[in-house]
Amino acid sequence: MRERVTVIGGGHGLAAVLAALRGEPGELTVVVTVADDGGSSGELRRR
């Protein structure tokens, strides 16, 4: 069975977690919060 990971967050912390998970096998679901200044979260939304 495939591993399934859901990540919820925003900002630099979420970006770091997603960078670490990039290339890992499995199904990744990401929920990006948008209640901040839009710096890092804005970049994540554009991807």
N, C-alpha and C. Protein backbone atom coordinates (compact mmCIF):
# COMPACT_ATOMS: atom_id res chain seq x y z
N MET A 1 0.84 -1.18 0.00
CA MET A 1 0.00 0.00 0.00
C MET A 1 0.88 1.24 0.00
N ARG A 2 0.51 2.25 -0.79
CA ARG A 2 1.27 3.50 -0.86
C ARG A 2 1.10 4.31 0.41
N GLU A 3 2.19 4.93 0.85
CA GLU A 3 2.12 5.85 1.98
C GLU A 3 1.38 7.10 1.55
N ARG A 4 0.55 7.64 2.44
CA ARG A 4 -0.17 8.88 2.18
C ARG A 4 0.19 9.87 3.27
N VAL A 5 0.59 11.06 2.87
CA VAL A 5 0.98 12.10 3.82
C VAL A 5 0.19 13.37 3.50
N THR A 6 -0.38 13.98 4.54
CA THR A 6 -1.05 15.26 4.40
C THR A 6 -0.31 16.28 5.26
N VAL A 7 0.02 17.42 4.67
CA VAL A 7 0.75 18.47 5.37
C VAL A 7 -0.11 19.72 5.34
N ILE A 8 -0.30 20.34 6.52
CA ILE A 8 -1.09 21.57 6.63
C ILE A 8 -0.21 22.64 7.26
N GLY A 9 -0.14 23.80 6.63
CA GLY A 9 0.64 24.88 7.22
C GLY A 9 0.89 25.99 6.23
N GLY A 10 1.91 26.77 6.54
CA GLY A 10 2.26 27.89 5.68
C GLY A 10 3.61 28.44 6.07
N GLY A 11 4.11 29.32 5.28
CA GLY A 11 5.35 29.99 5.60
C GLY A 11 6.59 29.15 5.38
N HIS A 12 7.68 29.58 6.01
CA HIS A 12 8.97 28.93 5.81
C HIS A 12 8.99 27.49 6.31
N GLY A 13 8.26 27.20 7.39
CA GLY A 13 8.24 25.85 7.93
C GLY A 13 7.67 24.84 6.95
N LEU A 14 6.55 25.19 6.33
CA LEU A 14 5.94 24.29 5.35
C LEU A 14 6.85 24.11 4.15
N ALA A 15 7.47 25.19 3.70
CA ALA A 15 8.38 25.10 2.56
C ALA A 15 9.53 24.15 2.86
N ALA A 16 10.05 24.19 4.07
CA ALA A 16 11.15 23.30 4.46
C ALA A 16 10.70 21.85 4.49
N VAL A 17 9.51 21.60 5.03
CA VAL A 17 8.98 20.23 5.09
C VAL A 17 8.77 19.69 3.68
N LEU A 18 8.19 20.50 2.80
CA LEU A 18 7.94 20.03 1.43
C LEU A 18 9.24 19.79 0.67
N ALA A 19 10.24 20.61 0.92
CA ALA A 19 11.54 20.40 0.27
C ALA A 19 12.13 19.07 0.71
N ALA A 20 11.96 18.74 1.99
CA ALA A 20 12.49 17.47 2.51
C ALA A 20 11.72 16.28 1.94
N LEU A 21 10.43 16.44 1.68
CA LEU A 21 9.61 15.34 1.17
C LEU A 21 9.70 15.18 -0.34
N ARG A 22 10.23 16.18 -1.02
CA ARG A 22 10.30 16.11 -2.49
C ARG A 22 11.09 14.87 -2.91
N GLY A 23 10.53 14.13 -3.83
CA GLY A 23 11.20 12.94 -4.34
C GLY A 23 10.92 11.67 -3.55
N GLU A 24 10.25 11.80 -2.40
CA GLU A 24 9.91 10.61 -1.62
C GLU A 24 8.73 9.90 -2.29
N PRO A 25 8.70 8.58 -2.21
CA PRO A 25 7.57 7.86 -2.80
C PRO A 25 6.30 8.07 -1.97
N GLY A 26 5.17 7.92 -2.59
CA GLY A 26 3.91 8.04 -1.88
C GLY A 26 3.07 9.18 -2.40
N GLU A 27 1.92 9.35 -1.77
CA GLU A 27 0.96 10.38 -2.18
C GLU A 27 1.00 11.53 -1.19
N LEU A 28 1.24 12.72 -1.69
CA LEU A 28 1.38 13.91 -0.84
C LEU A 28 0.23 14.87 -1.12
N THR A 29 -0.48 15.26 -0.06
CA THR A 29 -1.53 16.26 -0.13
C THR A 29 -1.09 17.44 0.72
N VAL A 30 -1.19 18.66 0.16
CA VAL A 30 -0.73 19.85 0.87
C VAL A 30 -1.86 20.86 0.95
N VAL A 31 -2.11 21.37 2.16
CA VAL A 31 -3.07 22.45 2.38
C VAL A 31 -2.26 23.65 2.83
N VAL A 32 -2.23 24.69 2.00
CA VAL A 32 -1.45 25.89 2.31
C VAL A 32 -2.37 26.94 2.91
N THR A 33 -2.07 27.37 4.14
CA THR A 33 -2.85 28.44 4.75
C THR A 33 -2.48 29.76 4.10
N VAL A 34 -3.44 30.65 4.03
CA VAL A 34 -3.19 31.92 3.34
C VAL A 34 -3.42 33.12 4.26
N ALA A 35 -3.36 32.90 5.55
CA ALA A 35 -3.64 33.98 6.51
C ALA A 35 -2.36 34.62 7.02
N ASP A 36 -1.38 34.80 6.15
CA ASP A 36 -0.17 35.51 6.56
C ASP A 36 0.15 36.58 5.53
N ASP A 37 1.37 37.08 5.54
CA ASP A 37 1.72 38.20 4.66
C ASP A 37 1.95 37.80 3.21
N GLY A 38 1.87 36.51 2.90
CA GLY A 38 1.98 36.06 1.51
C GLY A 38 3.39 35.83 1.03
N GLY A 39 4.38 35.97 1.88
CA GLY A 39 5.77 35.76 1.47
C GLY A 39 6.00 34.33 1.00
N SER A 40 6.29 33.44 1.93
CA SER A 40 6.55 32.04 1.58
C SER A 40 5.29 31.32 1.11
N SER A 41 4.16 31.61 1.75
CA SER A 41 2.91 30.96 1.35
C SER A 41 2.53 31.38 -0.06
N GLY A 42 2.78 32.62 -0.41
CA GLY A 42 2.51 33.07 -1.77
C GLY A 42 3.33 32.31 -2.78
N GLU A 43 4.57 32.04 -2.46
CA GLU A 43 5.43 31.26 -3.35
C GLU A 43 4.91 29.84 -3.48
N LEU A 44 4.48 29.23 -2.37
CA LEU A 44 3.94 27.86 -2.42
C LEU A 44 2.67 27.80 -3.25
N ARG A 45 1.81 28.81 -3.14
CA ARG A 45 0.58 28.82 -3.94
C ARG A 45 0.89 28.90 -5.43
N ARG A 46 1.92 29.63 -5.80
CA ARG A 46 2.27 29.76 -7.21
C ARG A 46 2.80 28.46 -7.79
N ARG A 47 3.32 27.56 -6.98
CA ARG A 47 3.84 26.28 -7.46
C ARG A 47 2.69 25.37 -7.65
